[in-house]
Amino acid sequence: MSGRAPASGRKNDRGSRPCAGHIENHLLGIEFDRYVLEHPELMEQIPDGAEVFFLPDDDPELAGENLQIAEAQKGYGKGVLLVRIGKLAPPRSRLEHVRLEALPAA
């Protein structure tokens, strides 16, 4: 991917720490990268140099903020790709063949 959704406009009163919008967009970006790896045919639909913006259905505030930023980028003549996300499944562990071994106390 050449673009990543920018941070939302949500205010952060803790200085330079990432705000909720930064973190949400970052997590959506990671999940989108995984999705594209599993569905490589999608790469053909992503224009070179496009800015990618995530519009999650389950977070209308973040979707609205990202859409506003995307519209502004479009005004600068940049390619924009909107990724509408229906839902994010709960995270699952990818560990396999796990065994626990307790050592006896000395």
PDB file of N, CA and C in Angstrom:
ATOM      1  N   MET A   1       0.836  -1.167   0.000  1.00  0.00           N
ATOM      2  CA  MET A   1       0.000   0.000   0.000  1.00  0.00           C
ATOM      3  C   MET A   1       0.885   1.237   0.000  1.00  0.00           C
ATOM      4  N   SER A   2       0.495   2.196  -0.766  1.00  0.00           N
ATOM      5  CA  SER A   2       1.288   3.411  -0.773  1.00  0.00           C
ATOM      6  C   SER A   2       0.740   4.435   0.199  1.00  0.00           C
ATOM      7  N   GLY A   3      -0.482   4.276   0.635  1.00  0.00           N
ATOM      8  CA  GLY A   3      -1.062   5.249   1.551  1.00  0.00           C
ATOM      9  C   GLY A   3      -1.602   4.577   2.789  1.00  0.00           C
ATOM     10  N   ARG A   4      -1.767   5.342   3.787  1.00  0.00           N
ATOM     11  CA  ARG A   4      -2.320   4.845   5.048  1.00  0.00           C
ATOM     12  C   ARG A   4      -3.281   5.907   5.517  1.00  0.00           C
ATOM     13  N   ALA A   5      -4.362   5.492   6.115  1.00  0.00           N
ATOM     14  CA  ALA A   5      -5.330   6.475   6.591  1.00  0.00           C
ATOM     15  C   ALA A   5      -4.661   7.404   7.584  1.00  0.00           C
ATOM     16  N   PRO A   6      -4.877   8.687   7.429  1.00  0.00           N
ATOM     17  CA  PRO A   6      -4.278   9.637   8.348  1.00  0.00           C
ATOM     18  C   PRO A   6      -4.971   9.600   9.698  1.00  0.00           C
ATOM     19  N   ALA A   7      -4.341  10.209  10.653  1.00  0.00           N
ATOM     20  CA  ALA A   7      -4.951  10.299  11.975  1.00  0.00           C
ATOM     21  C   ALA A   7      -6.221  11.117  11.888  1.00  0.00           C
ATOM     22  N   SER A   8      -7.172  10.776  12.711  1.00  0.00           N
ATOM     23  CA  SER A   8      -8.397  11.553  12.722  1.00  0.00           C
ATOM     24  C   SER A   8      -8.132  12.885  13.392  1.00  0.00           C
ATOM     25  N   GLY A   9      -9.087  13.776  13.330  1.00  0.00           N
ATOM     26  CA  GLY A   9      -8.945  15.088  13.922  1.00  0.00           C
ATOM     27  C   GLY A   9      -9.256  15.122  15.402  1.00  0.00           C
ATOM     28  N   ARG A  10      -9.414  13.985  16.043  1.00  0.00           N
ATOM     29  CA  ARG A  10      -9.735  13.959  17.462  1.00  0.00           C
ATOM     30  C   ARG A  10      -8.608  14.591  18.261  1.00  0.00           C
ATOM     31  N   LYS A  11      -8.978  15.395  19.214  1.00  0.00           N
ATOM     32  CA  LYS A  11      -8.002  16.121  20.019  1.00  0.00           C
ATOM     33  C   LYS A  11      -7.350  15.215  21.049  1.00  0.00           C
ATOM     34  N   ASN A  12      -6.077  15.461  21.298  1.00  0.00           N
ATOM     35  CA  ASN A  12      -5.320  14.711  22.284  1.00  0.00           C
ATOM     36  C   ASN A  12      -4.713  15.717  23.246  1.00  0.00           C
ATOM     37  N   ASP A  13      -5.069  15.604  24.519  1.00  0.00           N
ATOM     38  CA  ASP A  13      -4.541  16.552  25.490  1.00  0.00           C
ATOM     39  C   ASP A  13      -3.308  16.031  26.198  1.00  0.00           C
ATOM     40  N   ARG A  14      -2.707  14.959  25.695  1.00  0.00           N
ATOM     41  CA  ARG A  14      -1.530  14.368  26.336  1.00  0.00           C
ATOM     42  C   ARG A  14      -0.255  14.649  25.545  1.00  0.00           C
ATOM     43  N   GLY A  15      -0.223  15.722  24.847  1.00  0.00           N
ATOM     44  CA  GLY A  15       0.984  16.042  24.088  1.00  0.00           C
ATOM     45  C   GLY A  15       1.091  15.231  22.826  1.00  0.00           C
ATOM     46  N   SER A  16       2.223  14.551  22.648  1.00  0.00           N
ATOM     47  CA  SER A  16       2.475  13.857  21.393  1.00  0.00           C
ATOM     48  C   SER A  16       2.010  12.402  21.384  1.00  0.00           C
ATOM     49  N   ARG A  17       1.393  11.942  22.456  1.00  0.00           N
ATOM     50  CA  ARG A  17       0.898  10.565  22.440  1.00  0.00           C
ATOM     51  C   ARG A  17      -0.202  10.432  21.403  1.00  0.00           C
ATOM     52  N   PRO A  18      -0.290   9.267  20.766  1.00  0.00           N
ATOM     53  CA  PRO A  18      -1.344   9.100  19.761  1.00  0.00           C
ATOM     54  C   PRO A  18      -2.731   9.147  20.393  1.00  0.00           C
ATOM     55  N   CYS A  19      -3.651   9.776  19.698  1.00  0.00           N
ATOM     56  CA  CYS A  19      -5.025   9.808  20.188  1.00  0.00           C
ATOM     57  C   CYS A  19      -5.770   8.583  19.660  1.00  0.00           C
ATOM     58  N   ALA A  20      -7.002   8.416  20.100  1.00  0.00           N
ATOM     59  CA  ALA A  20      -7.784   7.234  19.730  1.00  0.00           C
ATOM     60  C   ALA A  20      -7.880   7.067  18.217  1.00  0.00           C
ATOM     61  N   GLY A  21      -8.075   8.158  17.488  1.00  0.00           N
ATOM     62  CA  GLY A  21      -8.189   8.073  16.031  1.00  0.00           C
ATOM     63  C   GLY A  21      -6.934   7.548  15.375  1.00  0.00           C
ATOM     64  N   HIS A  22      -5.759   7.965  15.879  1.00  0.00           N
ATOM     65  CA  HIS A  22      -4.500   7.438  15.340  1.00  0.00           C
ATOM     66  C   HIS A  22      -4.453   5.926  15.506  1.00  0.00           C
ATOM     67  N   ILE A  23      -4.764   5.479  16.701  1.00  0.00           N
ATOM     68  CA  ILE A  23      -4.672   4.052  17.017  1.00  0.00           C
ATOM     69  C   ILE A  23      -5.688   3.257  16.209  1.00  0.00           C
ATOM     70  N   GLU A  24      -6.919   3.738  16.138  1.00  0.00           N
ATOM     71  CA  GLU A  24      -7.961   3.029  15.380  1.00  0.00           C
ATOM     72  C   GLU A  24      -7.573   2.910  13.916  1.00  0.00           C
ATOM     73  N   ASN A  25      -7.093   4.006  13.320  1.00  0.00           N
ATOM     74  CA  ASN A  25      -6.690   3.959  11.916  1.00  0.00           C
ATOM     75  C   ASN A  25      -5.498   3.035  11.715  1.00  0.00           C
ATOM     76  N   HIS A  26      -4.577   3.041  12.655  1.00  0.00           N
ATOM     77  CA  HIS A  26      -3.410   2.161  12.552  1.00  0.00           C
ATOM     78  C   HIS A  26      -3.846   0.692  12.587  1.00  0.00           C
ATOM     79  N   LEU A  27      -4.723   0.353  13.527  1.00  0.00           N
ATOM     80  CA  LEU A  27      -5.211  -1.031  13.614  1.00  0.00           C
ATOM     81  C   LEU A  27      -5.981  -1.430  12.364  1.00  0.00           C
ATOM     82  N   LEU A  28      -6.810  -0.526  11.848  1.00  0.00           N
ATOM     83  CA  LEU A  28      -7.539  -0.830  10.608  1.00  0.00           C
ATOM     84  C   LEU A  28      -6.563  -1.025   9.451  1.00  0.00           C
ATOM     85  N   GLY A  29      -5.489  -0.233   9.431  1.00  0.00           N
ATOM     86  CA  GLY A  29      -4.478  -0.382   8.383  1.00  0.00           C
ATOM     87  C   GLY A  29      -3.797  -1.737   8.430  1.00  0.00           C
ATOM     88  N   ILE A  30      -3.463  -2.186   9.633  1.00  0.00           N
ATOM     89  CA  ILE A  30      -2.841  -3.508   9.790  1.00  0.00           C
ATOM     90  C   ILE A  30      -3.796  -4.597   9.305  1.00  0.00           C
ATOM     91  N   GLU A  31      -5.050  -4.501   9.723  1.00  0.00           N
ATOM     92  CA  GLU A  31      -6.031  -5.508   9.312  1.00  0.00           C
ATOM     93  C   GLU A  31      -6.277  -5.469   7.808  1.00  0.00           C
ATOM     94  N   PHE A  32      -6.279  -4.272   7.220  1.00  0.00           N
ATOM     95  CA  PHE A  32      -6.469  -4.159   5.773  1.00  0.00           C
ATOM     96  C   PHE A  32      -5.282  -4.786   5.040  1.00  0.00           C
ATOM     97  N   ASP A  33      -4.069  -4.549   5.531  1.00  0.00           N
ATOM     98  CA  ASP A  33      -2.899  -5.180   4.914  1.00  0.00           C
ATOM     99  C   ASP A  33      -3.033  -6.699   4.937  1.00  0.00           C
ATOM    100  N   ARG A  34      -3.456  -7.238   6.067  1.00  0.00           N
ATOM    101  CA  ARG A  34      -3.661  -8.693   6.171  1.00  0.00           C
ATOM    102  C   ARG A  34      -4.727  -9.164   5.184  1.00  0.00           C
ATOM    103  N   TYR A  35      -5.811  -8.396   5.083  1.00  0.00           N
ATOM    104  CA  TYR A  35      -6.909  -8.764   4.190  1.00  0.00           C
ATOM    105  C   TYR A  35      -6.423  -8.791   2.738  1.00  0.00           C
ATOM    106  N   VAL A  36      -5.639  -7.793   2.355  1.00  0.00           N
ATOM    107  CA  VAL A  36      -5.131  -7.739   0.982  1.00  0.00           C
ATOM    108  C   VAL A  36      -4.167  -8.895   0.718  1.00  0.00           C
ATOM    109  N   LEU A  37      -3.378  -9.275   1.720  1.00  0.00           N
ATOM    110  CA  LEU A  37      -2.493 -10.429   1.540  1.00  0.00           C
ATOM    111  C   LEU A  37      -3.290 -11.709   1.287  1.00  0.00           C
ATOM    112  N   GLU A  38      -4.463 -11.802   1.944  1.00  0.00           N
ATOM    113  CA  GLU A  38      -5.318 -12.976   1.752  1.00  0.00           C
ATOM    114  C   GLU A  38      -6.160 -12.880   0.482  1.00  0.00           C
ATOM    115  N   HIS A  39      -6.327 -11.669  -0.047  1.00  0.00           N
ATOM    116  CA  HIS A  39      -7.123 -11.425  -1.255  1.00  0.00           C
ATOM    117  C   HIS A  39      -6.308 -10.560  -2.218  1.00  0.00           C
ATOM    118  N   PRO A  40      -5.232 -11.111  -2.792  1.00  0.00           N
ATOM    119  CA  PRO A  40      -4.329 -10.297  -3.618  1.00  0.00           C
ATOM    120  C   PRO A  40      -4.990  -9.676  -4.844  1.00  0.00           C
ATOM    121  N   GLU A  41      -6.129 -10.206  -5.248  1.00  0.00           N
ATOM    122  CA  GLU A  41      -6.818  -9.629  -6.408  1.00  0.00           C
ATOM    123  C   GLU A  41      -7.265  -8.192  -6.151  1.00  0.00           C
ATOM    124  N   LEU A  42      -7.360  -7.799  -4.897  1.00  0.00           N
ATOM    125  CA  LEU A  42      -7.742  -6.428  -4.559  1.00  0.00           C
ATOM    126  C   LEU A  42      -6.673  -5.416  -4.946  1.00  0.00           C
ATOM    127  N   MET A  43      -5.421  -5.848  -5.015  1.00  0.00           N
ATOM    128  CA  MET A  43      -4.336  -4.928  -5.367  1.00  0.00           C
ATOM    129  C   MET A  43      -4.596  -4.238  -6.698  1.00  0.00           C
ATOM    130  N   GLU A  44      -5.277  -4.944  -7.618  1.00  0.00           N
ATOM    131  CA  GLU A  44      -5.572  -4.373  -8.932  1.00  0.00           C
ATOM    132  C   GLU A  44      -6.525  -3.183  -8.831  1.00  0.00           C
ATOM    133  N   GLN A  45      -7.288  -3.104  -7.737  1.00  0.00           N
ATOM    134  CA  GLN A  45      -8.262  -2.025  -7.569  1.00  0.00           C
ATOM    135  C   GLN A  45      -7.691  -0.816  -6.832  1.00  0.00           C
ATOM    136  N   ILE A  46      -6.451  -0.916  -6.372  1.00  0.00           N
ATOM    137  CA  ILE A  46      -5.838   0.166  -5.613  1.00  0.00           C
ATOM    138  C   ILE A  46      -4.931   0.954  -6.549  1.00  0.00           C
ATOM    139  N   PRO A  47      -5.317   2.195  -6.862  1.00  0.00           N
ATOM    140  CA  PRO A  47      -4.497   3.001  -7.776  1.00  0.00           C
ATOM    141  C   PRO A  47      -3.118   3.298  -7.173  1.00  0.00           C
ATOM    142  N   ASP A  48      -2.101   3.361  -8.039  1.00  0.00           N
ATOM    143  CA  ASP A  48      -0.755   3.717  -7.586  1.00  0.00           C
ATOM    144  C   ASP A  48      -0.795   5.097  -6.939  1.00  0.00           C
ATOM    145  N   GLY A  49      -0.161   5.205  -5.790  1.00  0.00           N
ATOM    146  CA  GLY A  49      -0.056   6.494  -5.114  1.00  0.00           C
ATOM    147  C   GLY A  49      -1.314   6.959  -4.410  1.00  0.00           C
ATOM    148  N   ALA A  50      -2.324   6.105  -4.347  1.00  0.00           N
ATOM    149  CA  ALA A  50      -3.589   6.520  -3.734  1.00  0.00           C
ATOM    150  C   ALA A  50      -3.447   6.651  -2.225  1.00  0.00           C
ATOM    151  N   GLU A  51      -4.119   7.623  -1.671  1.00  0.00           N
ATOM    152  CA  GLU A  51      -4.254   7.759  -0.224  1.00  0.00           C
ATOM    153  C   GLU A  51      -5.432   6.873   0.182  1.00  0.00           C
ATOM    154  N   VAL A  52      -5.229   6.034   1.194  1.00  0.00           N
ATOM    155  CA  VAL A  52      -6.242   5.083   1.625  1.00  0.00           C
ATOM    156  C   VAL A  52      -6.899   5.587   2.900  1.00  0.00           C
ATOM    157  N   PHE A  53      -8.232   5.600   2.907  1.00  0.00           N
ATOM    158  CA  PHE A  53      -9.000   6.063   4.063  1.00  0.00           C
ATOM    159  C   PHE A  53     -10.009   4.998   4.460  1.00  0.00           C
ATOM    160  N   PHE A  54     -10.086   4.730   5.753  1.00  0.00           N
ATOM    161  CA  PHE A  54     -10.974   3.691   6.266  1.00  0.00           C
ATOM    162  C   PHE A  54     -12.260   4.312   6.786  1.00  0.00           C
ATOM    163  N   LEU A  55     -13.375   3.700   6.393  1.00  0.00           N
ATOM    164  CA  LEU A  55     -14.697   4.147   6.823  1.00  0.00           C
ATOM    165  C   LEU A  55     -15.391   2.982   7.520  1.00  0.00           C
ATOM    166  N   PRO A  56     -15.145   2.828   8.816  1.00  0.00           N
ATOM    167  CA  PRO A  56     -15.755   1.706   9.540  1.00  0.00           C
ATOM    168  C   PRO A  56     -17.220   1.971   9.864  1.00  0.00           C
ATOM    169  N   ASP A  57     -18.084   1.033   9.505  1.00  0.00           N
ATOM    170  CA  ASP A  57     -19.523   1.170   9.777  1.00  0.00           C
ATOM    171  C   ASP A  57     -19.817   1.242  11.270  1.00  0.00           C
ATOM    172  N   ASP A  58     -18.996   0.578  12.090  1.00  0.00           N
ATOM    173  CA  ASP A  58     -19.275   0.529  13.527  1.00  0.00           C
ATOM    174  C   ASP A  58     -18.703   1.724  14.300  1.00  0.00           C
ATOM    175  N   ASP A  59     -18.092   2.672  13.597  1.00  0.00           N
ATOM    176  CA  ASP A  59     -17.570   3.890  14.228  1.00  0.00           C
ATOM    177  C   ASP A  59     -17.874   5.078  13.324  1.00  0.00           C
ATOM    178  N   PRO A  60     -19.130   5.557  13.360  1.00  0.00           N
ATOM    179  CA  PRO A  60     -19.516   6.640  12.456  1.00  0.00           C
ATOM    180  C   PRO A  60     -18.706   7.924  12.661  1.00  0.00           C
ATOM    181  N   GLU A  61     -18.263   8.172  13.893  1.00  0.00           N
ATOM    182  CA  GLU A  61     -17.470   9.380  14.144  1.00  0.00           C
ATOM    183  C   GLU A  61     -16.132   9.311  13.402  1.00  0.00           C
ATOM    184  N   LEU A  62     -15.426   8.198  13.550  1.00  0.00           N
ATOM    185  CA  LEU A  62     -14.152   8.028  12.855  1.00  0.00           C
ATOM    186  C   LEU A  62     -14.358   8.031  11.342  1.00  0.00           C
ATOM    187  N   ALA A  63     -15.400   7.343  10.875  1.00  0.00           N
ATOM    188  CA  ALA A  63     -15.684   7.310   9.434  1.00  0.00           C
ATOM    189  C   ALA A  63     -15.931   8.723   8.899  1.00  0.00           C
ATOM    190  N   GLY A  64     -16.686   9.511   9.648  1.00  0.00           N
ATOM    191  CA  GLY A  64     -16.969  10.885   9.223  1.00  0.00           C
ATOM    192  C   GLY A  64     -15.713  11.742   9.172  1.00  0.00           C
ATOM    193  N   GLU A  65     -14.864  11.598  10.180  1.00  0.00           N
ATOM    194  CA  GLU A  65     -13.613  12.362  10.206  1.00  0.00           C
ATOM    195  C   GLU A  65     -12.708  11.953   9.054  1.00  0.00           C
ATOM    196  N   ASN A  66     -12.592  10.645   8.825  1.00  0.00           N
ATOM    197  CA  ASN A  66     -11.746  10.171   7.733  1.00  0.00           C
ATOM    198  C   ASN A  66     -12.298  10.603   6.380  1.00  0.00           C
ATOM    199  N   LEU A  67     -13.619  10.597   6.226  1.00  0.00           N
ATOM    200  CA  LEU A  67     -14.219  11.024   4.967  1.00  0.00           C
ATOM    201  C   LEU A  67     -13.955  12.504   4.711  1.00  0.00           C
ATOM    202  N   GLN A  68     -14.026  13.318   5.757  1.00  0.00           N
ATOM    203  CA  GLN A  68     -13.721  14.746   5.614  1.00  0.00           C
ATOM    204  C   GLN A  68     -12.296  14.951   5.121  1.00  0.00           C
ATOM    205  N   ILE A  69     -11.360  14.228   5.712  1.00  0.00           N
ATOM    206  CA  ILE A  69      -9.956  14.345   5.313  1.00  0.00           C
ATOM    207  C   ILE A  69      -9.778  13.847   3.882  1.00  0.00           C
ATOM    208  N   ALA A  70     -10.467  12.755   3.533  1.00  0.00           N
ATOM    209  CA  ALA A  70     -10.370  12.210   2.177  1.00  0.00           C
ATOM    210  C   ALA A  70     -10.877  13.212   1.147  1.00  0.00           C
ATOM    211  N   GLU A  71     -11.999  13.854   1.452  1.00  0.00           N
ATOM    212  CA  GLU A  71     -12.543  14.869   0.533  1.00  0.00           C
ATOM    213  C   GLU A  71     -11.554  16.011   0.338  1.00  0.00           C
ATOM    214  N   ALA A  72     -10.882  16.413   1.409  1.00  0.00           N
ATOM    215  CA  ALA A  72      -9.889  17.485   1.312  1.00  0.00           C
ATOM    216  C   ALA A  72      -8.712  17.045   0.443  1.00  0.00           C
ATOM    217  N   GLN A  73      -8.270  15.810   0.589  1.00  0.00           N
ATOM    218  CA  GLN A  73      -7.161  15.298  -0.222  1.00  0.00           C
ATOM    219  C   GLN A  73      -7.541  15.258  -1.692  1.00  0.00           C
ATOM    220  N   LYS A  74      -8.781  14.891  -1.953  1.00  0.00           N
ATOM    221  CA  LYS A  74      -9.268  14.846  -3.335  1.00  0.00           C
ATOM    222  C   LYS A  74      -9.165  16.228  -3.974  1.00  0.00           C
ATOM    223  N   GLY A  75      -9.413  17.256  -3.152  1.00  0.00           N
ATOM    224  CA  GLY A  75      -9.326  18.628  -3.647  1.00  0.00           C
ATOM    225  C   GLY A  75      -7.925  19.041  -4.047  1.00  0.00           C
ATOM    226  N   TYR A  76      -6.918  18.344  -3.525  1.00  0.00           N
ATOM    227  CA  TYR A  76      -5.528  18.624  -3.880  1.00  0.00           C
ATOM    228  C   TYR A  76      -5.080  17.807  -5.088  1.00  0.00           C
ATOM    229  N   GLY A  77      -6.012  17.109  -5.712  1.00  0.00           N
ATOM    230  CA  GLY A  77      -5.682  16.317  -6.889  1.00  0.00           C
ATOM    231  C   GLY A  77      -5.038  14.981  -6.579  1.00  0.00           C
ATOM    232  N   LYS A  78      -5.119  14.547  -5.336  1.00  0.00           N
ATOM    233  CA  LYS A  78      -4.535  13.252  -4.962  1.00  0.00           C
ATOM    234  C   LYS A  78      -5.548  12.139  -5.193  1.00  0.00           C
ATOM    235  N   GLY A  79      -5.056  10.959  -5.556  1.00  0.00           N
ATOM    236  CA  GLY A  79      -5.913   9.797  -5.679  1.00  0.00           C
ATOM    237  C   GLY A  79      -6.372   9.353  -4.303  1.00  0.00           C
ATOM    238  N   VAL A  80      -7.644   9.059  -4.180  1.00  0.00           N
ATOM    239  CA  VAL A  80      -8.215   8.670  -2.893  1.00  0.00           C
ATOM    240  C   VAL A  80      -8.938   7.337  -3.056  1.00  0.00           C
ATOM    241  N   LEU A  81      -8.697   6.433  -2.118  1.00  0.00           N
ATOM    242  CA  LEU A  81      -9.393   5.154  -2.092  1.00  0.00           C
ATOM    243  C   LEU A  81     -10.094   5.035  -0.749  1.00  0.00           C
ATOM    244  N   LEU A  82     -11.407   4.864  -0.791  1.00  0.00           N
ATOM    245  CA  LEU A  82     -12.189   4.664   0.426  1.00  0.00           C
ATOM    246  C   LEU A  82     -12.368   3.174   0.655  1.00  0.00           C
ATOM    247  N   VAL A  83     -12.075   2.740   1.862  1.00  0.00           N
ATOM    248  CA  VAL A  83     -12.239   1.333   2.238  1.00  0.00           C
ATOM    249  C   VAL A  83     -13.364   1.288   3.256  1.00  0.00           C
ATOM    250  N   ARG A  84     -14.516   0.830   2.823  1.00  0.00           N
ATOM    251  CA  ARG A  84     -15.670   0.715   3.720  1.00  0.00           C
ATOM    252  C   ARG A  84     -15.579  -0.632   4.428  1.00  0.00           C
ATOM    253  N   ILE A  85     -15.587  -0.575   5.751  1.00  0.00           N
ATOM    254  CA  ILE A  85     -15.403  -1.782   6.554  1.00  0.00           C
ATOM    255  C   ILE A  85     -16.695  -2.065   7.298  1.00  0.00           C
ATOM    256  N   GLY A  86     -17.311  -3.215   6.994  1.00  0.00           N
ATOM    257  CA  GLY A  86     -18.565  -3.595   7.633  1.00  0.00           C
ATOM    258  C   GLY A  86     -18.396  -3.852   9.115  1.00  0.00           C
ATOM    259  N   LYS A  87     -17.420  -4.658   9.463  1.00  0.00           N
ATOM    260  CA  LYS A  87     -17.145  -4.904  10.875  1.00  0.00           C
ATOM    261  C   LYS A  87     -15.771  -5.528  11.011  1.00  0.00           C
ATOM    262  N   LEU A  88     -15.254  -5.456  12.209  1.00  0.00           N
ATOM    263  CA  LEU A  88     -13.970  -6.044  12.526  1.00  0.00           C
ATOM    264  C   LEU A  88     -14.231  -7.210  13.468  1.00  0.00           C
ATOM    265  N   ALA A  89     -13.846  -8.394  13.042  1.00  0.00           N
ATOM    266  CA  ALA A  89     -14.059  -9.584  13.873  1.00  0.00           C
ATOM    267  C   ALA A  89     -13.171  -9.502  15.115  1.00  0.00           C
ATOM    268  N   PRO A  90     -13.597 -10.162  16.186  1.00  0.00           N
ATOM    269  CA  PRO A  90     -12.759 -10.172  17.395  1.00  0.00           C
ATOM    270  C   PRO A  90     -11.401 -10.799  17.100  1.00  0.00           C
ATOM    271  N   PRO A  91     -10.357 -10.290  17.749  1.00  0.00           N
ATOM    272  CA  PRO A  91      -9.031 -10.865  17.510  1.00  0.00           C
ATOM    273  C   PRO A  91      -8.964 -12.303  18.017  1.00  0.00           C
ATOM    274  N   ARG A  92      -8.207 -13.093  17.311  1.00  0.00           N
ATOM    275  CA  ARG A  92      -8.016 -14.493  17.694  1.00  0.00           C
ATOM    276  C   ARG A  92      -6.534 -14.786  17.705  1.00  0.00           C
ATOM    277  N   SER A  93      -6.155 -15.681  18.575  1.00  0.00           N
ATOM    278  CA  SER A  93      -4.759 -16.092  18.642  1.00  0.00           C
ATOM    279  C   SER A  93      -4.434 -16.989  17.454  1.00  0.00           C
ATOM    280  N   ARG A  94      -3.219 -16.876  16.975  1.00  0.00           N
ATOM    281  CA  ARG A  94      -2.756 -17.746  15.899  1.00  0.00           C
ATOM    282  C   ARG A  94      -1.811 -18.817  16.426  1.00  0.00           C
ATOM    283  N   LEU A  95      -1.700 -18.919  17.754  1.00  0.00           N
ATOM    284  CA  LEU A  95      -0.837 -19.948  18.343  1.00  0.00           C
ATOM    285  C   LEU A  95      -1.420 -21.320  18.053  1.00  0.00           C
ATOM    286  N   GLU A  96      -0.533 -22.268  17.836  1.00  0.00           N
ATOM    287  CA  GLU A  96      -0.946 -23.652  17.618  1.00  0.00           C
ATOM    288  C   GLU A  96      -0.084 -24.571  18.466  1.00  0.00           C
ATOM    289  N   HIS A  97      -0.620 -25.721  18.815  1.00  0.00           N
ATOM    290  CA  HIS A  97       0.114 -26.759  19.546  1.00  0.00           C
ATOM    291  C   HIS A  97       0.761 -26.208  20.820  1.00  0.00           C
ATOM    292  N   VAL A  98      -0.003 -25.519  21.619  1.00  0.00           N
ATOM    293  CA  VAL A  98       0.492 -24.920  22.857  1.00  0.00           C
ATOM    294  C   VAL A  98       0.428 -25.939  23.986  1.00  0.00           C
ATOM    295  N   ARG A  99       1.504 -26.010  24.749  1.00  0.00           N
ATOM    296  CA  ARG A  99       1.553 -26.899  25.908  1.00  0.00           C
ATOM    297  C   ARG A  99       2.045 -26.091  27.092  1.00  0.00           C
ATOM    298  N   LEU A 100       1.450 -26.291  28.228  1.00  0.00           N
ATOM    299  CA  LEU A 100       1.898 -25.645  29.455  1.00  0.00           C
ATOM    300  C   LEU A 100       2.647 -26.667  30.291  1.00  0.00           C
ATOM    301  N   GLU A 101       3.752 -26.255  30.847  1.00  0.00           N
ATOM    302  CA  GLU A 101       4.541 -27.129  31.701  1.00  0.00           C
ATOM    303  C   GLU A 101       4.870 -26.384  32.984  1.00  0.00           C
ATOM    304  N   ALA A 102       4.362 -26.885  34.100  1.00  0.00           N
ATOM    305  CA  ALA A 102       4.639 -26.269  35.396  1.00  0.00           C
ATOM    306  C   ALA A 102       5.882 -26.922  36.007  1.00  0.00           C
ATOM    307  N   LEU A 103       6.786 -26.113  36.476  1.00  0.00           N
ATOM    308  CA  LEU A 103       7.963 -26.628  37.154  1.00  0.00           C
ATOM    309  C   LEU A 103       7.654 -26.704  38.643  1.00  0.00           C
ATOM    310  N   PRO A 104       8.083 -27.783  39.293  1.00  0.00           N
ATOM    311  CA  PRO A 104       7.817 -27.889  40.734  1.00  0.00           C
ATOM    312  C   PRO A 104       8.614 -26.835  41.503  1.00  0.00           C
ATOM    313  N   ALA A 105       8.008 -26.359  42.590  1.00  0.00           N
ATOM    314  CA  ALA A 105       8.677 -25.380  43.446  1.00  0.00           C
ATOM    315  C   ALA A 105       9.909 -26.006  44.091  1.00  0.00           C
ATOM    316  N   ALA A 106      10.927 -25.230  44.310  1.00  0.00           N
ATOM    317  CA  ALA A 106      12.176 -25.742  44.911  1.00  0.00           C
ATOM    318  C   ALA A 106      12.047 -25.927  46.391  1.00  0.00           C
TER     319      ALA A 106
END
